[in-house]
N, C-alpha and C. Protein backbone atom coordinates (compact mmCIF):
# COMPACT_ATOMS: atom_id res chain seq x y z
N MET A 1 0.77 -1.20 0.03
CA MET A 1 0.00 -0.03 -0.02
C MET A 1 0.86 1.25 0.04
N MET A 2 1.91 1.24 0.82
CA MET A 2 2.86 2.42 0.87
C MET A 2 3.50 2.69 -0.46
N GLU A 3 3.94 1.60 -1.14
CA GLU A 3 4.60 1.73 -2.39
C GLU A 3 3.61 2.25 -3.46
N TYR A 4 2.37 1.77 -3.43
CA TYR A 4 1.38 2.31 -4.31
C TYR A 4 1.16 3.82 -4.13
N LEU A 5 1.02 4.23 -2.85
CA LEU A 5 0.89 5.65 -2.52
C LEU A 5 2.08 6.49 -3.03
N LYS A 6 3.33 5.92 -2.87
CA LYS A 6 4.47 6.67 -3.31
C LYS A 6 4.56 6.77 -4.81
N ARG A 7 4.09 5.79 -5.56
CA ARG A 7 4.14 5.85 -7.02
C ARG A 7 3.08 6.86 -7.45
N LYS A 8 1.94 6.94 -6.81
CA LYS A 8 0.93 7.92 -7.21
C LYS A 8 1.41 9.30 -6.97
N LEU A 9 2.10 9.58 -5.76
CA LEU A 9 2.63 10.88 -5.44
C LEU A 9 3.74 11.29 -6.40
N CYS A 10 4.53 10.34 -6.81
CA CYS A 10 5.64 10.73 -7.76
C CYS A 10 5.07 11.21 -9.11
N ARG A 11 3.87 10.82 -9.50
CA ARG A 11 3.39 11.16 -10.79
C ARG A 11 2.87 12.61 -10.82
N LEU A 12 2.68 13.20 -9.69
CA LEU A 12 2.20 14.60 -9.64
C LEU A 12 3.32 15.59 -9.98
N GLU A 13 2.97 16.65 -10.56
CA GLU A 13 3.99 17.72 -10.92
C GLU A 13 4.57 18.29 -9.70
N ASN A 14 5.66 19.01 -9.87
CA ASN A 14 6.34 19.61 -8.68
C ASN A 14 5.64 20.89 -8.14
N ASP A 15 4.82 21.52 -9.00
CA ASP A 15 4.11 22.75 -8.45
C ASP A 15 3.02 22.33 -7.59
N ASP A 16 2.64 23.27 -6.66
CA ASP A 16 1.65 22.97 -5.64
C ASP A 16 0.22 23.30 -6.06
N SER A 17 -0.07 23.65 -7.34
CA SER A 17 -1.42 24.07 -7.71
C SER A 17 -2.37 22.94 -7.63
N TRP A 18 -1.91 21.73 -7.74
CA TRP A 18 -2.79 20.53 -7.62
C TRP A 18 -3.45 20.44 -6.30
N LYS A 19 -2.79 20.96 -5.21
CA LYS A 19 -3.35 20.83 -3.88
C LYS A 19 -4.68 21.60 -3.63
N GLU A 20 -4.90 22.61 -4.44
CA GLU A 20 -6.13 23.38 -4.31
C GLU A 20 -7.43 22.62 -4.66
N ASN A 21 -7.29 21.60 -5.45
CA ASN A 21 -8.44 20.76 -5.85
C ASN A 21 -8.68 19.53 -5.08
N ILE A 22 -7.82 19.27 -4.10
CA ILE A 22 -7.94 18.03 -3.30
C ILE A 22 -8.50 18.38 -1.93
N PRO A 23 -9.52 17.67 -1.51
CA PRO A 23 -10.12 17.93 -0.22
C PRO A 23 -9.27 17.52 0.94
N PHE A 24 -9.49 17.93 2.14
CA PHE A 24 -8.74 17.60 3.33
C PHE A 24 -9.24 16.25 3.84
N PRO A 25 -8.39 15.48 4.48
CA PRO A 25 -6.94 15.69 4.71
C PRO A 25 -6.19 15.34 3.41
N ARG A 26 -5.07 16.06 3.24
CA ARG A 26 -4.23 15.88 2.06
C ARG A 26 -3.04 15.04 2.39
N TYR A 27 -2.65 14.14 1.55
CA TYR A 27 -1.47 13.34 1.71
C TYR A 27 -0.49 13.56 0.60
N TYR A 28 0.80 13.77 0.89
CA TYR A 28 1.80 13.92 -0.05
C TYR A 28 3.14 13.54 0.49
N GLU A 29 4.12 13.38 -0.37
CA GLU A 29 5.39 13.00 0.07
C GLU A 29 6.41 14.23 0.04
N GLU A 30 7.12 14.46 1.04
CA GLU A 30 8.10 15.60 1.13
C GLU A 30 9.31 15.07 1.79
N ASN A 31 10.45 15.14 1.15
CA ASN A 31 11.75 14.68 1.65
C ASN A 31 11.76 13.25 2.08
N GLY A 32 11.07 12.37 1.26
CA GLY A 32 11.02 11.01 1.58
C GLY A 32 10.02 10.60 2.66
N LYS A 33 9.22 11.54 3.18
CA LYS A 33 8.27 11.25 4.29
C LYS A 33 6.90 11.48 3.77
N ILE A 34 5.92 10.68 4.21
CA ILE A 34 4.52 10.88 3.85
C ILE A 34 3.97 11.90 4.84
N ILE A 35 3.34 12.93 4.32
CA ILE A 35 2.77 14.06 5.12
C ILE A 35 1.30 14.02 4.99
N LYS A 36 0.60 14.22 6.09
CA LYS A 36 -0.82 14.39 6.16
C LYS A 36 -1.11 15.80 6.63
N GLU A 37 -1.80 16.58 5.82
CA GLU A 37 -2.16 17.95 6.15
C GLU A 37 -3.67 18.07 6.43
N THR A 38 -3.95 18.65 7.59
CA THR A 38 -5.39 18.82 7.86
C THR A 38 -5.89 20.14 7.47
N GLU A 39 -7.21 20.33 7.51
CA GLU A 39 -7.77 21.62 7.13
C GLU A 39 -7.34 22.83 7.84
N ASN A 40 -6.99 22.64 9.16
CA ASN A 40 -6.57 23.79 9.93
C ASN A 40 -5.08 24.05 9.77
N GLY A 41 -4.39 23.42 8.80
CA GLY A 41 -2.99 23.61 8.53
C GLY A 41 -1.93 22.86 9.23
N GLU A 42 -2.39 21.95 10.16
CA GLU A 42 -1.46 21.08 10.87
C GLU A 42 -1.00 20.03 9.91
N LYS A 43 0.32 19.66 10.06
CA LYS A 43 0.99 18.70 9.27
C LYS A 43 1.54 17.61 10.13
N TYR A 44 1.30 16.33 9.73
CA TYR A 44 1.83 15.16 10.49
C TYR A 44 2.63 14.29 9.57
N ILE A 45 3.62 13.63 10.07
CA ILE A 45 4.40 12.64 9.43
C ILE A 45 3.69 11.34 9.75
N ILE A 46 3.41 10.52 8.72
CA ILE A 46 2.72 9.25 8.96
C ILE A 46 3.40 8.13 8.39
N THR A 47 3.11 6.87 8.87
CA THR A 47 3.53 5.67 8.29
C THR A 47 2.34 4.72 8.38
N LEU A 48 2.44 3.57 7.69
CA LEU A 48 1.32 2.60 7.71
C LEU A 48 1.77 1.36 8.50
N ASP A 49 0.82 0.87 9.37
CA ASP A 49 1.18 -0.31 10.14
C ASP A 49 0.89 -1.55 9.31
N LYS A 50 1.07 -2.72 9.90
CA LYS A 50 0.94 -3.99 9.15
C LYS A 50 -0.49 -4.17 8.59
N ASN A 51 -1.48 -3.51 9.27
CA ASN A 51 -2.86 -3.64 8.76
C ASN A 51 -3.26 -2.43 7.85
N HIS A 52 -2.22 -1.71 7.37
CA HIS A 52 -2.43 -0.64 6.44
C HIS A 52 -3.21 0.53 7.09
N LYS A 53 -3.12 0.70 8.34
CA LYS A 53 -3.80 1.85 9.03
C LYS A 53 -2.67 2.93 9.31
N GLU A 54 -3.01 4.18 9.17
CA GLU A 54 -2.02 5.20 9.32
C GLU A 54 -1.65 5.37 10.79
N VAL A 55 -0.35 5.64 11.00
CA VAL A 55 0.18 5.90 12.36
C VAL A 55 0.90 7.20 12.26
N ILE A 56 0.57 8.10 13.16
CA ILE A 56 1.20 9.36 13.21
C ILE A 56 2.54 9.22 13.94
N THR A 57 3.70 9.51 13.25
CA THR A 57 4.97 9.36 13.89
C THR A 57 5.56 10.70 14.28
N GLY A 58 5.03 11.85 13.88
CA GLY A 58 5.58 13.10 14.23
C GLY A 58 4.66 14.21 13.76
N LYS A 59 4.98 15.46 14.23
CA LYS A 59 4.21 16.57 13.84
C LYS A 59 5.15 17.62 13.29
N ILE A 60 4.81 18.24 12.26
CA ILE A 60 5.60 19.29 11.60
C ILE A 60 4.97 20.68 12.01
N ARG A 61 5.83 21.66 12.51
CA ARG A 61 5.38 22.91 12.83
C ARG A 61 4.78 23.66 11.72
């Protein structure tokens, strides 16, 4: 599942204009980490556990 998500994210262009059309929460890769962005602007680093459920491993200021 994580590899599938990474492949999909790599296909997006480098500009951020695509983010405007995607509802929250938004998921994208930044510096090799999967980021979850919420509507209020908070950003979290996530991973997937063995059951493919997201696990928050950190918060970005």
